Amino acid sequence: MKVDTVNPATGQVEHSQTLMDAAAVESVLAASQPAFRAWSARPLGERGELLRRVGAGLRRRRDDIQRIMTAEMGKLRREALAEVDKCAGACEYYADHAGDYLKDEPIATDGRRSYVRYEPIGCVFAVMPWNFPIWQVFRFLAPALMAGNVAVLKHAANVPRCADVIAEVLRDAGIPAGVFGVLHIDNDQAAEVIRDPRIAAVTLTGSERAGRSVAGNAGQQLKKCVMELGGSDAFVVLEDADLDKTVAGAIASRYGNAGQTCIAAKRFIVVEAIADRFVQRFAEAAAGLKLGDPADDATTLAPMARRDLRDELHRQVQASVARGARPLLGCEPDASHAGYPASILDNVAPGMPAYSEELFGPVASILRVRDEAEAIRVANDTSFGLGGSVWSGNPERGDRVARQLQVGAAFVNAIVRSDVRLPFGGTKRSGFGRELAEHGIHEFMNIKSVYIA
């Protein structure tokens, strides 16, 4: 069976990918086992040097990789280039820091000597999404490889060449065959891979529905998994916020990557005393975004990745308007293949999709509240718990509010972002487990206690 990749800007088929048959899948899985034994036995310094070469290879091919991302999922050229650079930085970070993260930890006990040892567990199966098709992969891959694990990847169906170019960069950097494999397979085949005894653990970034399926299959096999799922992040604007900085952050967080980001600000919870001024300035700035060809540097808002995603977003908008939300800006599909303009819904309230569901596209929901206490209550009135930000002229006040948000990452006077130095992940229906930083490299390791009497 073949799966077509459609350019979001033009509607034209960019690539047709043939799915693998059982024999091809078996070849990839079989290669992972001897590769793991050899890779995990290599000194950490050698693994780090190879990972640095991967980072250098990403930088050399950044223009080529950018073109693939832009064609396959519509990412703005400058956003795609920044994504490649971020991946290279992650490789370098783990090459530099893994030695500290993985060294034995002495523990005081009544024994002669006790310590905690970190050991790799085997082959990690990754099911990754299309919205950050290079970064999402390296976010798990760089720490996994430095830990001594190997990996196989099932990428989203609309970004097959992104998967292949990652494999090419690793191969060209000298990563041995079998350490990283790509599986062009469908969801049914992915379930079979999870059940395969050669798979030691599973990681997924994606929707809540995908998370339930993948985590359920992994749980039946008693396999460790990390789930980074959806989010409906609160962007809390208090009455003492610096409007210049706050509006700039709101634009960057909501409309970057065409709003197709799990940690994008989606619910703008604004205290009444500042609400009219914030909404007016936010709408003026959003109206200046230019929707167009993502390869054109004059474009400031990319199309959505697929037309069906755009249509689903518009359904949520229409349902919210029917229940009383006010369309303040945009809120109608563009004439282009998958374009949706920068949009704002005001007066969003409970009972609307814009209040309770994740709007995975360039639509901002305005929720007006009386005061700080109500802002905290509304921010937490969601089944999601990925990230949230607080905007206040008083950093201590912002910190106090941020501590009360039920999220995996809370930022004060800055937009929520993934940073290789900080653990990344959510709570509630946004998933479990952590990526990045020291916490991320430990997720897929056997944490072994050693006691010597």
Protein backbone atom coordinates (compact mmCIF):
# COMPACT_ATOMS: atom_id res chain seq x y z
CA MET A 1 0.00 0.00 0.00
CA LYS A 2 1.15 3.54 -0.76
CA VAL A 3 0.53 6.69 1.26
CA ASP A 4 0.69 10.08 -0.43
CA THR A 5 2.26 13.17 1.12
CA VAL A 6 0.41 16.33 0.03
CA ASN A 7 2.09 19.74 0.11
CA PRO A 8 -0.08 21.86 2.45
CA ALA A 9 0.56 25.05 0.49
CA THR A 10 -0.22 23.72 -2.98
CA GLY A 11 -2.37 20.63 -2.54
CA GLN A 12 -0.01 18.73 -4.83
CA VAL A 13 1.32 15.24 -4.05
CA GLU A 14 4.95 15.58 -2.99
CA HIS A 15 5.81 11.94 -2.39
CA SER A 16 4.28 8.47 -2.36
CA GLN A 17 5.58 6.11 0.29
CA THR A 18 5.14 2.35 0.07
CA LEU A 19 4.45 0.77 3.44
CA MET A 20 6.74 -2.01 4.55
CA ASP A 21 5.69 -5.63 4.50
CA ALA A 22 6.27 -8.05 7.36
CA ALA A 23 9.64 -9.18 6.00
CA ALA A 24 10.96 -5.61 5.84
CA VAL A 25 9.80 -4.90 9.39
CA GLU A 26 11.43 -8.09 10.60
CA SER A 27 14.71 -7.06 8.99
CA VAL A 28 14.76 -3.77 10.92
CA LEU A 29 13.86 -5.39 14.24
CA ALA A 30 16.33 -8.21 13.80
CA ALA A 31 19.15 -5.76 13.11
CA SER A 32 18.42 -3.88 16.34
CA GLN A 33 19.47 -6.75 18.61
CA PRO A 34 23.15 -7.25 17.69
CA ALA A 35 23.36 -3.48 17.25
CA PHE A 36 22.23 -2.97 20.84
CA ARG A 37 24.79 -5.39 22.22
CA ALA A 38 27.62 -3.66 20.37
CA TRP A 39 26.39 -0.08 20.88
CA SER A 40 25.77 -0.42 24.62
CA ALA A 41 29.26 -1.90 25.04
CA ARG A 42 30.96 1.09 23.39
CA PRO A 43 32.58 3.56 25.77
CA LEU A 44 30.42 6.56 26.54
CA GLY A 45 33.02 8.89 25.05
CA GLU A 46 32.83 7.11 21.69
CA ARG A 47 29.04 7.35 21.65
CA GLY A 48 29.35 11.04 22.46
CA GLU A 49 31.79 11.68 19.65
CA LEU A 50 29.47 10.01 17.15
CA LEU A 51 26.54 12.05 18.45
CA ARG A 52 28.56 15.24 17.96
CA ARG A 53 29.13 14.14 14.37
CA VAL A 54 25.37 13.71 14.00
CA GLY A 55 24.92 17.30 15.20
CA ALA A 56 27.49 18.51 12.70
CA GLY A 57 25.74 16.56 9.94
CA LEU A 58 22.42 18.20 10.79
CA ARG A 59 24.01 21.63 10.50
CA ARG A 60 25.59 20.77 7.15
CA ARG A 61 22.27 19.58 5.73
CA ARG A 62 20.02 22.17 7.38
CA ASP A 63 18.86 23.70 4.08
CA ASP A 64 18.03 20.32 2.59
CA ILE A 65 16.18 19.20 5.72
CA GLN A 66 14.31 22.51 5.84
CA ARG A 67 13.04 22.04 2.30
CA ILE A 68 11.74 18.58 3.15
CA MET A 69 9.92 19.82 6.27
CA THR A 70 8.39 22.76 4.42
CA ALA A 71 7.17 20.58 1.56
CA GLU A 72 5.82 17.78 3.73
CA MET A 73 4.08 19.62 6.57
CA GLY A 74 4.18 23.29 5.61
CA LYS A 75 6.60 24.64 8.22
CA LEU A 76 7.84 28.18 7.67
CA ARG A 77 11.37 28.19 6.26
CA ARG A 78 12.87 30.08 9.21
CA GLU A 79 11.05 27.87 11.72
CA ALA A 80 12.35 24.75 10.00
CA LEU A 81 15.94 26.01 10.01
CA ALA A 82 15.67 26.83 13.71
CA GLU A 83 14.32 23.32 14.35
CA VAL A 84 17.32 21.70 12.69
CA ASP A 85 19.68 23.84 14.75
CA LYS A 86 17.84 22.89 17.93
CA CYS A 87 18.28 19.19 17.13
CA ALA A 88 21.99 19.68 16.56
CA GLY A 89 22.19 21.45 19.90
CA ALA A 90 20.45 18.54 21.63
CA CYS A 91 23.02 16.10 20.23
CA GLU A 92 25.85 18.27 21.50
CA TYR A 93 24.19 18.78 24.89
CA TYR A 94 23.85 15.07 25.60
CA ALA A 95 27.33 14.35 24.29
CA ASP A 96 28.60 16.90 26.84
CA HIS A 97 26.42 15.99 29.82
CA ALA A 98 25.56 12.29 29.61
CA GLY A 99 28.69 11.34 31.57
CA ASP A 100 27.43 13.28 34.58
CA TYR A 101 23.87 11.98 34.21
CA LEU A 102 24.89 8.33 33.95
CA LYS A 103 27.65 8.01 36.53
CA ASP A 104 27.12 5.75 39.51
CA GLU A 105 25.46 7.48 42.47
CA PRO A 106 26.81 6.48 45.89
CA ILE A 107 24.14 5.91 48.55
CA ALA A 108 24.82 5.80 52.29
CA THR A 109 23.57 2.53 53.81
CA ASP A 110 24.75 0.08 56.46
CA GLY A 111 26.65 -1.85 53.81
CA ARG A 112 30.32 -1.57 52.92
CA ARG A 113 29.31 0.19 49.73
CA SER A 114 26.01 0.97 47.97
CA TYR A 115 25.29 2.80 44.76
CA VAL A 116 22.75 3.31 41.99
CA ARG A 117 23.78 2.29 38.52
CA TYR A 118 22.11 3.29 35.22
CA GLU A 119 21.98 0.65 32.48
CA PRO A 120 20.41 0.77 28.99
CA ILE A 121 17.42 -1.48 28.41
CA GLY A 122 17.43 -2.21 24.67
CA CYS A 123 15.40 -1.07 21.69
CA VAL A 124 13.02 1.89 22.10
CA PHE A 125 10.10 2.08 19.69
CA ALA A 126 9.13 5.69 18.93
CA VAL A 127 5.82 6.78 17.43
CA MET A 128 6.30 10.41 16.46
CA PRO A 129 4.08 13.22 15.07
CA TRP A 130 4.36 15.53 12.10
CA ASN A 131 4.28 18.98 13.74
CA PHE A 132 7.98 19.05 14.69
CA PRO A 133 9.14 16.16 12.49
CA ILE A 134 12.85 16.47 13.27
CA TRP A 135 12.87 17.86 16.82
CA GLN A 136 10.34 15.39 18.21
CA VAL A 137 12.60 12.56 17.05
CA PHE A 138 15.85 13.97 18.40
CA ARG A 139 14.15 14.91 21.66
CA PHE A 140 13.99 11.19 22.50
CA LEU A 141 16.78 9.93 20.24
CA ALA A 142 19.75 11.94 21.49
CA PRO A 143 19.39 10.85 25.14
CA ALA A 144 18.39 7.31 24.17
CA LEU A 145 21.51 6.79 22.07
CA MET A 146 23.81 8.33 24.66
CA ALA A 147 22.27 6.01 27.25
CA GLY A 148 23.34 3.04 25.12
CA ASN A 149 19.90 2.16 23.78
CA VAL A 150 18.97 1.70 20.14
CA ALA A 151 15.75 2.84 18.47
CA VAL A 152 13.25 2.24 15.71
CA LEU A 153 10.95 4.99 14.48
CA LYS A 154 7.42 5.02 13.12
CA HIS A 155 6.95 8.56 11.91
CA ALA A 156 3.68 10.23 10.95
CA ALA A 157 2.43 9.16 7.54
CA ASN A 158 2.70 12.65 6.02
CA VAL A 159 6.41 13.12 6.82
CA PRO A 160 8.14 9.97 5.51
CA ARG A 161 11.08 11.80 3.98
CA CYS A 162 11.76 13.52 7.30
CA ALA A 163 12.18 10.06 8.81
CA ASP A 164 14.48 8.96 6.01
CA VAL A 165 16.69 12.04 6.13
CA ILE A 166 17.23 11.52 9.87
CA ALA A 167 18.40 7.99 9.11
CA GLU A 168 20.72 9.34 6.41
CA VAL A 169 22.30 11.89 8.76
CA LEU A 170 22.95 9.21 11.39
CA ARG A 171 24.39 6.81 8.84
CA ASP A 172 26.66 9.48 7.35
CA ALA A 173 27.90 10.40 10.83
CA GLY A 174 29.04 6.82 11.39
CA ILE A 175 26.25 5.54 13.62
CA PRO A 176 26.40 1.76 13.07
CA ALA A 177 23.71 -0.07 11.13
CA GLY A 178 20.86 -1.27 13.31
CA VAL A 179 21.27 1.40 15.99
CA PHE A 180 18.49 3.44 14.37
CA GLY A 181 15.86 2.05 12.04
CA VAL A 182 12.88 3.56 10.24
CA LEU A 183 9.61 1.67 9.91
CA HIS A 184 7.19 2.95 7.26
CA ILE A 185 4.14 1.15 8.67
CA ASP A 186 0.50 1.75 9.56
CA ASN A 187 -1.11 1.76 12.99
CA ASP A 188 -2.02 -1.93 12.93
CA GLN A 189 1.58 -2.84 12.15
CA ALA A 190 2.74 -0.50 14.93
CA ALA A 191 0.64 -2.44 17.44
CA GLU A 192 2.39 -5.62 16.33
CA VAL A 193 5.79 -3.99 16.79
CA ILE A 194 4.89 -2.99 20.35
CA ARG A 195 4.07 -6.63 21.09
CA ASP A 196 7.39 -7.82 19.67
CA PRO A 197 9.64 -9.07 22.50
CA ARG A 198 12.63 -7.28 20.99
CA ILE A 199 11.03 -3.93 21.82
CA ALA A 200 11.98 -2.91 25.37
CA ALA A 201 10.06 0.39 25.68
CA VAL A 202 7.80 2.75 23.78
CA THR A 203 7.64 6.52 23.47
CA LEU A 204 4.89 8.49 21.79
CA THR A 205 4.19 12.13 21.10
CA GLY A 206 0.71 12.64 19.73
CA SER A 207 -2.97 12.90 20.44
CA GLU A 208 -4.79 11.62 23.48
CA ARG A 209 -6.47 8.99 21.30
CA ALA A 210 -3.11 7.74 20.02
CA GLY A 211 -1.78 7.75 23.56
CA ARG A 212 -4.59 5.56 24.83
CA SER A 213 -3.97 3.04 22.07
CA VAL A 214 -0.18 2.92 22.28
CA ALA A 215 0.00 3.02 26.08
CA GLY A 216 -2.69 0.35 26.28
CA ASN A 217 -0.73 -1.97 23.99
CA ALA A 218 2.51 -1.29 25.86
CA GLY A 219 0.80 -1.87 29.20
CA GLN A 220 -0.49 -5.24 28.10
CA GLN A 221 3.11 -6.21 27.37
CA LEU A 222 4.38 -4.68 30.65
CA LYS A 223 6.67 -2.34 28.74
CA LYS A 224 7.79 1.04 29.98
CA CYS A 225 6.37 3.96 27.99
CA VAL A 226 6.51 7.74 27.90
CA MET A 227 3.44 9.60 26.62
CA GLU A 228 3.61 13.27 25.56
CA LEU A 229 0.04 14.04 24.54
CA GLY A 230 -2.13 17.05 23.83
CA GLY A 231 -2.41 20.31 25.69
CA SER A 232 -4.65 23.31 26.07
CA ASP A 233 -2.19 25.65 27.70
CA ALA A 234 -3.36 28.63 29.70
CA PHE A 235 -1.84 32.04 29.04
CA VAL A 236 -2.75 33.98 32.19
CA VAL A 237 -2.65 37.77 31.86
CA LEU A 238 -2.80 39.63 35.17
CA GLU A 239 -3.71 43.30 35.43
CA ASP A 240 -0.10 44.39 36.07
CA ALA A 241 1.31 42.67 32.96
CA ASP A 242 3.62 44.55 30.59
CA LEU A 243 1.37 44.67 27.52
CA ASP A 244 4.18 45.09 24.98
CA LYS A 245 5.95 41.95 26.18
CA THR A 246 2.72 40.06 26.81
CA VAL A 247 1.23 40.67 23.36
CA ALA A 248 4.50 39.73 21.67
CA GLY A 249 4.54 36.50 23.67
CA ALA A 250 0.90 35.80 22.84
CA ILE A 251 1.52 36.12 19.11
CA ALA A 252 4.62 33.91 19.19
CA SER A 253 3.01 31.25 21.33
CA ARG A 254 -0.35 30.99 19.59
CA TYR A 255 0.61 31.40 15.94
CA GLY A 256 4.08 29.87 15.74
CA ASN A 257 4.08 26.67 13.66
CA ALA A 258 0.57 27.68 12.53
CA GLY A 259 -0.65 27.03 16.05
CA GLN A 260 0.10 23.32 15.68
CA THR A 261 2.05 22.93 18.89
CA CYS A 262 1.12 20.96 21.99
CA ILE A 263 2.59 23.67 24.24
CA ALA A 264 1.15 26.61 22.32
CA ALA A 265 -0.92 29.06 24.34
CA LYS A 266 -4.52 28.20 23.50
CA ARG A 267 -6.66 29.64 26.31
CA PHE A 268 -5.92 33.31 27.00
CA ILE A 269 -7.23 33.88 30.51
CA VAL A 270 -7.32 37.65 31.02
CA VAL A 271 -8.24 39.62 34.14
CA GLU A 272 -11.08 42.07 33.39
CA ALA A 273 -9.12 45.16 34.40
CA ILE A 274 -6.75 44.69 31.45
CA ALA A 275 -8.85 42.53 29.13
CA ASP A 276 -10.08 45.15 26.64
CA ARG A 277 -6.63 46.64 26.16
CA PHE A 278 -4.97 43.25 25.80
CA VAL A 279 -7.55 41.88 23.37
CA GLN A 280 -7.43 44.99 21.19
CA ARG A 281 -3.66 44.96 20.89
CA PHE A 282 -3.55 41.17 20.47
CA ALA A 283 -6.10 41.35 17.63
CA GLU A 284 -4.22 44.17 15.90
CA ALA A 285 -0.97 42.22 16.01
CA ALA A 286 -2.59 38.97 14.86
CA ALA A 287 -4.29 40.74 11.95
CA GLY A 288 -0.85 41.68 10.66
CA LEU A 289 0.26 38.07 10.21
CA LYS A 290 0.56 37.08 6.56
CA LEU A 291 -0.73 33.65 5.56
CA GLY A 292 1.00 32.27 2.49
CA ASP A 293 3.72 30.12 0.98
CA PRO A 294 5.86 28.79 3.85
CA ALA A 295 8.95 28.82 1.63
CA ASP A 296 8.59 32.60 1.17
CA ASP A 297 10.36 34.58 3.89
CA ALA A 298 7.65 37.25 3.66
CA THR A 299 5.10 34.75 5.00
CA THR A 300 4.56 34.97 8.75
CA LEU A 301 1.80 32.35 9.16
CA ALA A 302 2.13 28.90 7.63
CA PRO A 303 -0.77 26.81 6.33
CA MET A 304 -1.94 23.92 8.46
CA ALA A 305 -0.33 20.58 7.76
CA ARG A 306 -3.37 18.90 6.20
CA ARG A 307 -6.75 19.99 4.92
CA ASP A 308 -8.63 17.55 7.18
CA LEU A 309 -6.94 19.13 10.21
CA ARG A 310 -8.05 22.56 9.04
CA ASP A 311 -11.61 21.34 8.55
CA GLU A 312 -11.71 19.85 12.06
CA LEU A 313 -10.42 23.10 13.54
CA HIS A 314 -13.14 25.06 11.73
CA ARG A 315 -15.77 22.66 13.03
CA GLN A 316 -14.65 23.44 16.57
CA VAL A 317 -14.77 27.16 15.83
CA GLN A 318 -18.26 26.97 14.36
CA ALA A 319 -19.55 24.93 17.29
CA SER A 320 -18.11 27.45 19.73
CA VAL A 321 -19.68 30.38 17.87
CA ALA A 322 -23.03 28.58 17.85
CA ARG A 323 -22.80 28.41 21.65
CA GLY A 324 -22.03 32.08 22.13
CA ALA A 325 -18.35 32.73 21.37
CA ARG A 326 -17.71 35.92 19.40
CA PRO A 327 -15.50 35.64 16.29
CA LEU A 328 -13.24 38.66 16.69
CA LEU A 329 -10.74 37.91 13.94
CA GLY A 330 -10.54 35.40 11.10
CA CYS A 331 -12.47 32.23 11.94
CA GLU A 332 -13.04 31.30 8.28
CA PRO A 333 -10.88 28.95 6.16
CA ASP A 334 -8.58 30.53 3.61
CA ALA A 335 -9.03 29.81 -0.08
CA SER A 336 -5.66 28.04 -0.21
CA HIS A 337 -5.39 24.28 0.19
CA ALA A 338 -4.92 24.05 3.98
CA GLY A 339 -4.69 27.65 5.10
CA TYR A 340 -6.46 29.08 8.13
CA PRO A 341 -5.91 32.73 9.07
CA ALA A 342 -4.87 34.00 12.46
CA SER A 343 -8.14 33.87 14.40
CA ILE A 344 -9.49 34.96 17.77
CA LEU A 345 -12.64 33.86 19.59
CA ASP A 346 -13.78 36.19 22.38
CA ASN A 347 -16.17 35.49 25.26
CA VAL A 348 -15.29 31.81 25.37
CA ALA A 349 -17.08 29.99 28.19
CA PRO A 350 -17.71 26.47 29.52
CA GLY A 351 -19.68 24.23 27.19
CA MET A 352 -17.80 25.34 24.08
CA PRO A 353 -15.14 23.29 22.25
CA ALA A 354 -12.87 26.34 22.47
CA TYR A 355 -13.04 26.05 26.26
CA SER A 356 -12.68 22.32 26.83
CA GLU A 357 -10.99 20.88 23.71
CA GLU A 358 -7.55 21.38 22.23
CA LEU A 359 -7.69 23.73 19.22
CA PHE A 360 -4.67 22.54 17.25
CA GLY A 361 -4.33 25.45 14.88
CA PRO A 362 -4.13 29.26 14.73
CA VAL A 363 -7.22 30.09 16.82
CA ALA A 364 -6.93 31.89 20.18
CA SER A 365 -9.64 31.57 22.84
CA ILE A 366 -10.23 34.61 25.08
CA LEU A 367 -11.57 33.81 28.57
CA ARG A 368 -12.29 36.89 30.68
CA VAL A 369 -12.07 36.51 34.47
CA ARG A 370 -12.62 38.78 37.47
CA ASP A 371 -9.30 38.41 39.29
CA GLU A 372 -6.23 36.32 40.00
CA ALA A 373 -8.12 33.71 41.98
CA GLU A 374 -10.59 33.09 39.18
CA ALA A 375 -7.75 33.04 36.66
CA ILE A 376 -6.11 30.18 38.55
CA ARG A 377 -9.40 28.29 38.83
CA VAL A 378 -10.15 28.62 35.11
CA ALA A 379 -6.57 27.75 34.13
CA ASN A 380 -6.90 24.48 36.02
CA ASP A 381 -10.43 23.79 34.78
CA THR A 382 -9.20 21.49 32.02
CA SER A 383 -8.46 17.82 31.55
CA PHE A 384 -5.06 18.75 30.08
CA GLY A 385 -1.90 19.61 31.99
CA LEU A 386 1.03 20.15 29.66
CA GLY A 387 2.13 23.77 30.11
CA GLY A 388 1.02 27.23 31.09
CA SER A 389 2.38 30.75 31.36
CA VAL A 390 1.71 33.69 33.69
CA TRP A 391 2.25 37.33 32.75
CA SER A 392 2.72 39.88 35.51
CA GLY A 393 4.82 42.97 36.20
CA ASN A 394 5.72 41.36 39.52
CA PRO A 395 7.86 38.22 39.00
CA GLU A 396 7.23 37.05 42.57
CA ARG A 397 3.48 37.26 42.00
CA GLY A 398 3.89 35.43 38.72
CA ASP A 399 5.85 32.70 40.49
CA ARG A 400 3.12 32.37 43.13
CA VAL A 401 0.48 31.86 40.45
CA ALA A 402 2.70 29.56 38.37
CA ARG A 403 3.16 27.24 41.34
CA GLN A 404 -0.61 26.74 41.45
CA LEU A 405 -0.99 25.70 37.79
CA GLN A 406 -1.57 21.96 37.37
CA VAL A 407 0.92 21.51 34.53
CA GLY A 408 4.24 19.91 33.71
CA ALA A 409 5.86 23.24 32.80
CA ALA A 410 4.96 26.73 34.07
CA PHE A 411 6.70 29.80 32.68
CA VAL A 412 6.54 33.36 34.04
CA ASN A 413 6.75 36.25 31.56
CA ALA A 414 7.93 33.87 28.85
CA ILE A 415 6.21 31.48 26.48
CA VAL A 416 6.26 27.78 27.25
CA ARG A 417 8.91 26.00 25.20
CA SER A 418 10.92 22.81 25.26
CA ASP A 419 14.48 23.36 26.44
CA VAL A 420 17.02 20.54 26.46
CA ARG A 421 18.14 21.67 29.94
CA LEU A 422 14.65 21.27 31.47
CA PRO A 423 12.49 18.14 31.83
CA PHE A 424 9.53 18.18 29.46
CA GLY A 425 6.19 16.42 29.83
CA GLY A 426 2.70 16.73 31.23
CA THR A 427 0.20 15.63 33.82
CA LYS A 428 -3.48 14.69 33.76
CA ARG A 429 -4.55 13.74 30.20
CA SER A 430 -1.45 15.36 28.72
CA GLY A 431 0.49 12.20 29.45
CA PHE A 432 3.23 10.94 31.73
CA GLY A 433 6.97 10.53 31.81
CA ARG A 434 9.58 13.12 30.92
CA GLU A 435 11.88 13.92 28.04
CA LEU A 436 15.03 16.07 27.99
CA ALA A 437 17.47 17.07 30.73
CA GLU A 438 18.71 14.44 33.19
CA HIS A 439 15.18 13.15 33.76
CA GLY A 440 14.75 12.28 30.08
CA ILE A 441 17.87 10.17 29.76
CA HIS A 442 16.86 8.16 32.83
CA GLU A 443 13.40 7.23 31.50
CA PHE A 444 14.63 4.36 29.36
CA MET A 445 17.23 2.90 31.68
CA ASN A 446 17.32 0.20 34.30
CA ILE A 447 17.94 2.05 37.55
CA LYS A 448 19.83 -0.65 39.42
CA SER A 449 20.63 -0.64 43.14
CA VAL A 450 23.90 -2.32 44.09
CA TYR A 451 24.59 -3.22 47.78
CA ILE A 452 27.91 -4.61 48.95
CA ALA A 453 27.97 -6.01 52.49
